[in-house]
Amino acid sequence: MWTGLLWFALLAAAGLCYPRRPRTAGTLWIMLGVLSLTMNLQRNADSWLAPTPGLFMIGMGTWYLIKYRNPDVRAKHVEYWTAKA
């Protein structure tokens, strides 16, 4: 039960961090993916589909970290989101 609450808290935090802090959101997505991999592999180790959601989340978090590592790209992203408000 506590693991599910932790998973949901990480998901909510990653979703709330994305527009303003994409690298923090990427780190939270990686943590969410590792937690999902751990939960899925412990529960059903025989299924070949078990690691798929966790690997997707790790990949998406890594993509956020790579995409927004340049300060100019981050500034342009924040400017875009600020202009929308």
PDB file of N, CA and C in Angstrom:
ATOM      1  N   MET A   1       0.810  -1.180   0.000  1.00  0.00           N
ATOM      2  CA  MET A   1       0.000   0.000   0.000  1.00  0.00           C
ATOM      3  C   MET A   1       0.865   1.261   0.000  1.00  0.00           C
ATOM      4  N   TRP A   2       1.911   1.268   0.831  1.00  0.00           N
ATOM      5  CA  TRP A   2       2.776   2.438   0.899  1.00  0.00           C
ATOM      6  C   TRP A   2       3.520   2.646  -0.414  1.00  0.00           C
ATOM      7  N   THR A   3       3.831   1.567  -1.086  1.00  0.00           N
ATOM      8  CA  THR A   3       4.526   1.696  -2.357  1.00  0.00           C
ATOM      9  C   THR A   3       3.629   2.354  -3.396  1.00  0.00           C
ATOM     10  N   GLY A   4       2.354   2.017  -3.386  1.00  0.00           N
ATOM     11  CA  GLY A   4       1.412   2.646  -4.307  1.00  0.00           C
ATOM     12  C   GLY A   4       1.255   4.128  -4.038  1.00  0.00           C
ATOM     13  N   LEU A   5       1.221   4.489  -2.766  1.00  0.00           N
ATOM     14  CA  LEU A   5       1.133   5.910  -2.417  1.00  0.00           C
ATOM     15  C   LEU A   5       2.399   6.658  -2.826  1.00  0.00           C
ATOM     16  N   LEU A   6       3.554   6.031  -2.647  1.00  0.00           N
ATOM     17  CA  LEU A   6       4.814   6.639  -3.078  1.00  0.00           C
ATOM     18  C   LEU A   6       4.831   6.801  -4.593  1.00  0.00           C
ATOM     19  N   TRP A   7       4.351   5.776  -5.314  1.00  0.00           N
ATOM     20  CA  TRP A   7       4.301   5.832  -6.777  1.00  0.00           C
ATOM     21  C   TRP A   7       3.418   6.986  -7.233  1.00  0.00           C
ATOM     22  N   PHE A   8       2.246   7.114  -6.617  1.00  0.00           N
ATOM     23  CA  PHE A   8       1.327   8.188  -6.990  1.00  0.00           C
ATOM     24  C   PHE A   8       1.900   9.557  -6.631  1.00  0.00           C
ATOM     25  N   ALA A   9       2.590   9.661  -5.495  1.00  0.00           N
ATOM     26  CA  ALA A   9       3.197  10.938  -5.104  1.00  0.00           C
ATOM     27  C   ALA A   9       4.297  11.338  -6.091  1.00  0.00           C
ATOM     28  N   LEU A  10       5.104  10.378  -6.536  1.00  0.00           N
ATOM     29  CA  LEU A  10       6.130  10.677  -7.532  1.00  0.00           C
ATOM     30  C   LEU A  10       5.507  11.102  -8.856  1.00  0.00           C
ATOM     31  N   LEU A  11       4.429  10.440  -9.248  1.00  0.00           N
ATOM     32  CA  LEU A  11       3.740  10.786 -10.483  1.00  0.00           C
ATOM     33  C   LEU A  11       3.170  12.205 -10.414  1.00  0.00           C
ATOM     34  N   ALA A  12       2.536  12.528  -9.303  1.00  0.00           N
ATOM     35  CA  ALA A  12       1.961  13.870  -9.131  1.00  0.00           C
ATOM     36  C   ALA A  12       3.059  14.927  -9.103  1.00  0.00           C
ATOM     37  N   ALA A  13       4.149  14.660  -8.409  1.00  0.00           N
ATOM     38  CA  ALA A  13       5.248  15.628  -8.337  1.00  0.00           C
ATOM     39  C   ALA A  13       5.888  15.837  -9.709  1.00  0.00           C
ATOM     40  N   ALA A  14       6.069  14.768 -10.465  1.00  0.00           N
ATOM     41  CA  ALA A  14       6.650  14.901 -11.811  1.00  0.00           C
ATOM     42  C   ALA A  14       5.724  15.694 -12.719  1.00  0.00           C
ATOM     43  N   GLY A  15       4.442  15.464 -12.615  1.00  0.00           N
ATOM     44  CA  GLY A  15       3.494  16.202 -13.441  1.00  0.00           C
ATOM     45  C   GLY A  15       3.422  17.668 -13.074  1.00  0.00           C
ATOM     46  N   LEU A  16       3.539  17.982 -11.806  1.00  0.00           N
ATOM     47  CA  LEU A  16       3.480  19.376 -11.372  1.00  0.00           C
ATOM     48  C   LEU A  16       4.783  20.130 -11.633  1.00  0.00           C
ATOM     49  N   CYS A  17       5.895  19.413 -11.682  1.00  0.00           N
ATOM     50  CA  CYS A  17       7.192  20.063 -11.904  1.00  0.00           C
ATOM     51  C   CYS A  17       7.471  20.349 -13.368  1.00  0.00           C
ATOM     52  N   TYR A  18       6.817  19.650 -14.291  1.00  0.00           N
ATOM     53  CA  TYR A  18       7.249  19.713 -15.685  1.00  0.00           C
ATOM     54  C   TYR A  18       7.280  21.096 -16.312  1.00  0.00           C
ATOM     55  N   PRO A  19       6.243  21.885 -16.287  1.00  0.00           N
ATOM     56  CA  PRO A  19       6.342  23.116 -17.076  1.00  0.00           C
ATOM     57  C   PRO A  19       7.462  24.048 -16.632  1.00  0.00           C
ATOM     58  N   ARG A  20       7.693  24.143 -15.324  1.00  0.00           N
ATOM     59  CA  ARG A  20       8.702  25.089 -14.838  1.00  0.00           C
ATOM     60  C   ARG A  20      10.065  24.451 -14.609  1.00  0.00           C
ATOM     61  N   ARG A  21      10.104  23.199 -14.241  1.00  0.00           N
ATOM     62  CA  ARG A  21      11.366  22.529 -13.916  1.00  0.00           C
ATOM     63  C   ARG A  21      11.454  21.186 -14.628  1.00  0.00           C
ATOM     64  N   PRO A  22      11.820  21.193 -15.909  1.00  0.00           N
ATOM     65  CA  PRO A  22      11.817  19.941 -16.667  1.00  0.00           C
ATOM     66  C   PRO A  22      12.897  18.950 -16.222  1.00  0.00           C
ATOM     67  N   ARG A  23      14.039  19.431 -15.744  1.00  0.00           N
ATOM     68  CA  ARG A  23      15.066  18.476 -15.303  1.00  0.00           C
ATOM     69  C   ARG A  23      14.675  17.805 -13.997  1.00  0.00           C
ATOM     70  N   THR A  24      14.010  18.526 -13.111  1.00  0.00           N
ATOM     71  CA  THR A  24      13.500  17.900 -11.885  1.00  0.00           C
ATOM     72  C   THR A  24      12.439  16.875 -12.236  1.00  0.00           C
ATOM     73  N   ALA A  25      11.576  17.214 -13.183  1.00  0.00           N
ATOM     74  CA  ALA A  25      10.563  16.268 -13.627  1.00  0.00           C
ATOM     75  C   ALA A  25      11.211  15.033 -14.247  1.00  0.00           C
ATOM     76  N   GLY A  26      12.292  15.226 -15.005  1.00  0.00           N
ATOM     77  CA  GLY A  26      13.007  14.086 -15.582  1.00  0.00           C
ATOM     78  C   GLY A  26      13.584  13.172 -14.516  1.00  0.00           C
ATOM     79  N   THR A  27      14.148  13.763 -13.484  1.00  0.00           N
ATOM     80  CA  THR A  27      14.686  12.959 -12.379  1.00  0.00           C
ATOM     81  C   THR A  27      13.574  12.194 -11.667  1.00  0.00           C
ATOM     82  N   LEU A  28      12.440  12.847 -11.462  1.00  0.00           N
ATOM     83  CA  LEU A  28      11.312  12.170 -10.816  1.00  0.00           C
ATOM     84  C   LEU A  28      10.763  11.051 -11.702  1.00  0.00           C
ATOM     85  N   TRP A  29      10.744  11.244 -13.022  1.00  0.00           N
ATOM     86  CA  TRP A  29      10.299  10.184 -13.929  1.00  0.00           C
ATOM     87  C   TRP A  29      11.236   8.988 -13.871  1.00  0.00           C
ATOM     88  N   ILE A  30      12.546   9.249 -13.763  1.00  0.00           N
ATOM     89  CA  ILE A  30      13.500   8.136 -13.644  1.00  0.00           C
ATOM     90  C   ILE A  30      13.260   7.383 -12.341  1.00  0.00           C
ATOM     91  N   MET A  31      13.058   8.106 -11.249  1.00  0.00           N
ATOM     92  CA  MET A  31      12.760   7.454  -9.968  1.00  0.00           C
ATOM     93  C   MET A  31      11.464   6.650 -10.057  1.00  0.00           C
ATOM     94  N   LEU A  32      10.461   7.202 -10.740  1.00  0.00           N
ATOM     95  CA  LEU A  32       9.187   6.512 -10.923  1.00  0.00           C
ATOM     96  C   LEU A  32       9.378   5.245 -11.744  1.00  0.00           C
ATOM     97  N   GLY A  33      10.216   5.305 -12.773  1.00  0.00           N
ATOM     98  CA  GLY A  33      10.494   4.129 -13.587  1.00  0.00           C
ATOM     99  C   GLY A  33      11.217   3.041 -12.817  1.00  0.00           C
ATOM    100  N   VAL A  34      12.177   3.424 -11.997  1.00  0.00           N
ATOM    101  CA  VAL A  34      12.896   2.436 -11.183  1.00  0.00           C
ATOM    102  C   VAL A  34      11.939   1.783 -10.188  1.00  0.00           C
ATOM    103  N   LEU A  35      11.076   2.585  -9.572  1.00  0.00           N
ATOM    104  CA  LEU A  35      10.097   2.033  -8.639  1.00  0.00           C
ATOM    105  C   LEU A  35       9.127   1.098  -9.365  1.00  0.00           C
ATOM    106  N   SER A  36       8.695   1.488 -10.567  1.00  0.00           N
ATOM    107  CA  SER A  36       7.784   0.638 -11.334  1.00  0.00           C
ATOM    108  C   SER A  36       8.453  -0.670 -11.737  1.00  0.00           C
ATOM    109  N   LEU A  37       9.714  -0.599 -12.160  1.00  0.00           N
ATOM    110  CA  LEU A  37      10.444  -1.827 -12.501  1.00  0.00           C
ATOM    111  C   LEU A  37      10.546  -2.755 -11.298  1.00  0.00           C
ATOM    112  N   THR A  38      10.881  -2.181 -10.167  1.00  0.00           N
ATOM    113  CA  THR A  38      11.014  -2.981  -8.947  1.00  0.00           C
ATOM    114  C   THR A  38       9.684  -3.642  -8.576  1.00  0.00           C
ATOM    115  N   MET A  39       8.615  -2.869  -8.610  1.00  0.00           N
ATOM    116  CA  MET A  39       7.307  -3.422  -8.248  1.00  0.00           C
ATOM    117  C   MET A  39       6.862  -4.499  -9.245  1.00  0.00           C
ATOM    118  N   ASN A  40       7.025  -4.237 -10.536  1.00  0.00           N
ATOM    119  CA  ASN A  40       6.574  -5.201 -11.538  1.00  0.00           C
ATOM    120  C   ASN A  40       7.398  -6.473 -11.531  1.00  0.00           C
ATOM    121  N   LEU A  41       8.699  -6.356 -11.372  1.00  0.00           N
ATOM    122  CA  LEU A  41       9.532  -7.550 -11.403  1.00  0.00           C
ATOM    123  C   LEU A  41       9.369  -8.388 -10.142  1.00  0.00           C
ATOM    124  N   GLN A  42       9.031  -7.779  -9.030  1.00  0.00           N
ATOM    125  CA  GLN A  42       8.782  -8.554  -7.821  1.00  0.00           C
ATOM    126  C   GLN A  42       7.438  -9.276  -7.891  1.00  0.00           C
ATOM    127  N   ARG A  43       6.481  -8.643  -8.524  1.00  0.00           N
ATOM    128  CA  ARG A  43       5.129  -9.202  -8.562  1.00  0.00           C
ATOM    129  C   ARG A  43       5.003 -10.307  -9.597  1.00  0.00           C
ATOM    130  N   ASN A  44       5.413 -10.050 -10.834  1.00  0.00           N
ATOM    131  CA  ASN A  44       5.275 -11.052 -11.887  1.00  0.00           C
ATOM    132  C   ASN A  44       6.578 -11.147 -12.667  1.00  0.00           C
ATOM    133  N   ALA A  45       7.492 -11.930 -12.129  1.00  0.00           N
ATOM    134  CA  ALA A  45       8.799 -12.077 -12.746  1.00  0.00           C
ATOM    135  C   ALA A  45       8.745 -12.940 -14.005  1.00  0.00           C
ATOM    136  N   ASP A  46       7.674 -13.697 -14.205  1.00  0.00           N
ATOM    137  CA  ASP A  46       7.587 -14.572 -15.366  1.00  0.00           C
ATOM    138  C   ASP A  46       7.104 -13.848 -16.615  1.00  0.00           C
ATOM    139  N   SER A  47       6.501 -12.699 -16.480  1.00  0.00           N
ATOM    140  CA  SER A  47       5.942 -11.987 -17.624  1.00  0.00           C
ATOM    141  C   SER A  47       7.028 -11.201 -18.346  1.00  0.00           C
ATOM    142  N   TRP A  48       7.079 -11.300 -19.654  1.00  0.00           N
ATOM    143  CA  TRP A  48       8.063 -10.544 -20.428  1.00  0.00           C
ATOM    144  C   TRP A  48       7.628  -9.097 -20.625  1.00  0.00           C
ATOM    145  N   LEU A  49       6.349  -8.784 -20.345  1.00  0.00           N
ATOM    146  CA  LEU A  49       5.868  -7.413 -20.457  1.00  0.00           C
ATOM    147  C   LEU A  49       6.062  -6.605 -19.179  1.00  0.00           C
ATOM    148  N   ALA A  50       6.523  -7.242 -18.120  1.00  0.00           N
ATOM    149  CA  ALA A  50       6.631  -6.575 -16.829  1.00  0.00           C
ATOM    150  C   ALA A  50       7.516  -5.333 -16.851  1.00  0.00           C
ATOM    151  N   PRO A  51       8.679  -5.333 -17.488  1.00  0.00           N
ATOM    152  CA  PRO A  51       9.530  -4.136 -17.408  1.00  0.00           C
ATOM    153  C   PRO A  51       9.142  -3.008 -18.363  1.00  0.00           C
ATOM    154  N   THR A  52       8.171  -3.209 -19.226  1.00  0.00           N
ATOM    155  CA  THR A  52       7.857  -2.220 -20.265  1.00  0.00           C
ATOM    156  C   THR A  52       7.471  -0.843 -19.718  1.00  0.00           C
ATOM    157  N   PRO A  53       6.522  -0.700 -18.787  1.00  0.00           N
ATOM    158  CA  PRO A  53       6.188   0.652 -18.302  1.00  0.00           C
ATOM    159  C   PRO A  53       7.351   1.327 -17.581  1.00  0.00           C
ATOM    160  N   GLY A  54       8.087   0.575 -16.802  1.00  0.00           N
ATOM    161  CA  GLY A  54       9.219   1.149 -16.082  1.00  0.00           C
ATOM    162  C   GLY A  54      10.309   1.628 -17.025  1.00  0.00           C
ATOM    163  N   LEU A  55      10.585   0.850 -18.064  1.00  0.00           N
ATOM    164  CA  LEU A  55      11.596   1.257 -19.034  1.00  0.00           C
ATOM    165  C   LEU A  55      11.146   2.484 -19.816  1.00  0.00           C
ATOM    166  N   PHE A  56       9.849   2.577 -20.105  1.00  0.00           N
ATOM    167  CA  PHE A  56       9.332   3.757 -20.784  1.00  0.00           C
ATOM    168  C   PHE A  56       9.517   5.007 -19.924  1.00  0.00           C
ATOM    169  N   MET A  57       9.219   4.895 -18.632  1.00  0.00           N
ATOM    170  CA  MET A  57       9.359   6.046 -17.742  1.00  0.00           C
ATOM    171  C   MET A  57      10.816   6.458 -17.578  1.00  0.00           C
ATOM    172  N   ILE A  58      11.710   5.493 -17.488  1.00  0.00           N
ATOM    173  CA  ILE A  58      13.137   5.807 -17.398  1.00  0.00           C
ATOM    174  C   ILE A  58      13.600   6.485 -18.680  1.00  0.00           C
ATOM    175  N   GLY A  59      13.143   5.991 -19.815  1.00  0.00           N
ATOM    176  CA  GLY A  59      13.508   6.606 -21.092  1.00  0.00           C
ATOM    177  C   GLY A  59      12.990   8.029 -21.220  1.00  0.00           C
ATOM    178  N   MET A  60      11.757   8.259 -20.780  1.00  0.00           N
ATOM    179  CA  MET A  60      11.195   9.601 -20.862  1.00  0.00           C
ATOM    180  C   MET A  60      11.934  10.563 -19.925  1.00  0.00           C
ATOM    181  N   GLY A  61      12.265  10.108 -18.729  1.00  0.00           N
ATOM    182  CA  GLY A  61      13.015  10.953 -17.803  1.00  0.00           C
ATOM    183  C   GLY A  61      14.406  11.274 -18.323  1.00  0.00           C
ATOM    184  N   THR A  62      15.056  10.293 -18.926  1.00  0.00           N
ATOM    185  CA  THR A  62      16.377  10.531 -19.505  1.00  0.00           C
ATOM    186  C   THR A  62      16.282  11.514 -20.661  1.00  0.00           C
ATOM    187  N   TRP A  63      15.211  11.404 -21.449  1.00  0.00           N
ATOM    188  CA  TRP A  63      15.017  12.335 -22.561  1.00  0.00           C
ATOM    189  C   TRP A  63      14.863  13.768 -22.041  1.00  0.00           C
ATOM    190  N   TYR A  64      14.122  13.955 -20.951  1.00  0.00           N
ATOM    191  CA  TYR A  64      13.981  15.287 -20.356  1.00  0.00           C
ATOM    192  C   TYR A  64      15.333  15.828 -19.901  1.00  0.00           C
ATOM    193  N   LEU A  65      16.132  14.976 -19.270  1.00  0.00           N
ATOM    194  CA  LEU A  65      17.432  15.425 -18.783  1.00  0.00           C
ATOM    195  C   LEU A  65      18.357  15.813 -19.938  1.00  0.00           C
ATOM    196  N   ILE A  66      18.323  15.041 -21.013  1.00  0.00           N
ATOM    197  CA  ILE A  66      19.191  15.335 -22.154  1.00  0.00           C
ATOM    198  C   ILE A  66      18.696  16.560 -22.917  1.00  0.00           C
ATOM    199  N   LYS A  67      17.402  16.642 -23.120  1.00  0.00           N
ATOM    200  CA  LYS A  67      16.841  17.740 -23.910  1.00  0.00           C
ATOM    201  C   LYS A  67      17.067  19.097 -23.244  1.00  0.00           C
ATOM    202  N   TYR A  68      16.916  19.171 -21.936  1.00  0.00           N
ATOM    203  CA  TYR A  68      16.979  20.451 -21.228  1.00  0.00           C
ATOM    204  C   TYR A  68      18.294  20.678 -20.497  1.00  0.00           C
ATOM    205  N   ARG A  69      19.380  20.055 -20.931  1.00  0.00           N
ATOM    206  CA  ARG A  69      20.663  20.290 -20.265  1.00  0.00           C
ATOM    207  C   ARG A  69      21.296  21.613 -20.682  1.00  0.00           C
ATOM    208  N   ASN A  70      20.874  22.160 -21.816  1.00  0.00           N
ATOM    209  CA  ASN A  70      21.389  23.434 -22.302  1.00  0.00           C
ATOM    210  C   ASN A  70      20.592  24.582 -21.670  1.00  0.00           C
ATOM    211  N   PRO A  71      21.263  25.568 -21.049  1.00  0.00           N
ATOM    212  CA  PRO A  71      20.529  26.666 -20.399  1.00  0.00           C
ATOM    213  C   PRO A  71      19.685  27.493 -21.376  1.00  0.00           C
ATOM    214  N   ASP A  72      20.130  27.626 -22.622  1.00  0.00           N
ATOM    215  CA  ASP A  72      19.357  28.386 -23.606  1.00  0.00           C
ATOM    216  C   ASP A  72      18.033  27.697 -23.924  1.00  0.00           C
ATOM    217  N   VAL A  73      18.066  26.385 -24.027  1.00  0.00           N
ATOM    218  CA  VAL A  73      16.840  25.624 -24.299  1.00  0.00           C
ATOM    219  C   VAL A  73      15.890  25.727 -23.112  1.00  0.00           C
ATOM    220  N   ARG A  74      16.429  25.653 -21.895  1.00  0.00           N
ATOM    221  CA  ARG A  74      15.587  25.793 -20.698  1.00  0.00           C
ATOM    222  C   ARG A  74      14.955  27.174 -20.628  1.00  0.00           C
ATOM    223  N   ALA A  75      15.733  28.220 -20.938  1.00  0.00           N
ATOM    224  CA  ALA A  75      15.194  29.582 -20.895  1.00  0.00           C
ATOM    225  C   ALA A  75      14.099  29.765 -21.942  1.00  0.00           C
ATOM    226  N   LYS A  76      14.302  29.200 -23.116  1.00  0.00           N
ATOM    227  CA  LYS A  76      13.286  29.298 -24.166  1.00  0.00           C
ATOM    228  C   LYS A  76      12.014  28.558 -23.757  1.00  0.00           C
ATOM    229  N   HIS A  77      12.184  27.424 -23.103  1.00  0.00           N
ATOM    230  CA  HIS A  77      11.038  26.646 -22.636  1.00  0.00           C
ATOM    231  C   HIS A  77      10.244  27.417 -21.575  1.00  0.00           C
ATOM    232  N   VAL A  78      10.940  28.009 -20.602  1.00  0.00           N
ATOM    233  CA  VAL A  78      10.273  28.783 -19.553  1.00  0.00           C
ATOM    234  C   VAL A  78       9.587  30.012 -20.153  1.00  0.00           C
ATOM    235  N   GLU A  79      10.243  30.643 -21.116  1.00  0.00           N
ATOM    236  CA  GLU A  79       9.637  31.807 -21.782  1.00  0.00           C
ATOM    237  C   GLU A  79       8.350  31.413 -22.496  1.00  0.00           C
ATOM    238  N   TYR A  80       8.353  30.261 -23.143  1.00  0.00           N
ATOM    239  CA  TYR A  80       7.145  29.778 -23.828  1.00  0.00           C
ATOM    240  C   TYR A  80       6.005  29.550 -22.851  1.00  0.00           C
ATOM    241  N   TRP A  81       6.305  28.880 -21.713  1.00  0.00           N
ATOM    242  CA  TRP A  81       5.253  28.607 -20.741  1.00  0.00           C
ATOM    243  C   TRP A  81       4.782  29.870 -20.029  1.00  0.00           C
ATOM    244  N   THR A  82       5.692  30.835 -19.824  1.00  0.00           N
ATOM    245  CA  THR A  82       5.297  32.084 -19.178  1.00  0.00           C
ATOM    246  C   THR A  82       4.417  32.922 -20.102  1.00  0.00           C
ATOM    247  N   ALA A  83       4.710  32.901 -21.392  1.00  0.00           N
ATOM    248  CA  ALA A  83       3.920  33.665 -22.355  1.00  0.00           C
ATOM    249  C   ALA A  83       2.511  33.112 -22.492  1.00  0.00           C
ATOM    250  N   LYS A  84       2.338  31.814 -22.247  1.00  0.00           N
ATOM    251  CA  LYS A  84       1.008  31.191 -22.346  1.00  0.00           C
ATOM    252  C   LYS A  84       0.100  31.615 -21.208  1.00  0.00           C
ATOM    253  N   ALA A  85       0.674  31.984 -20.073  1.00  0.00           N
ATOM    254  CA  ALA A  85      -0.132  32.292 -18.890  1.00  0.00           C
ATOM    255  C   ALA A  85      -0.793  33.628 -18.954  1.00  0.00           C
TER     256      ALA A  85
END
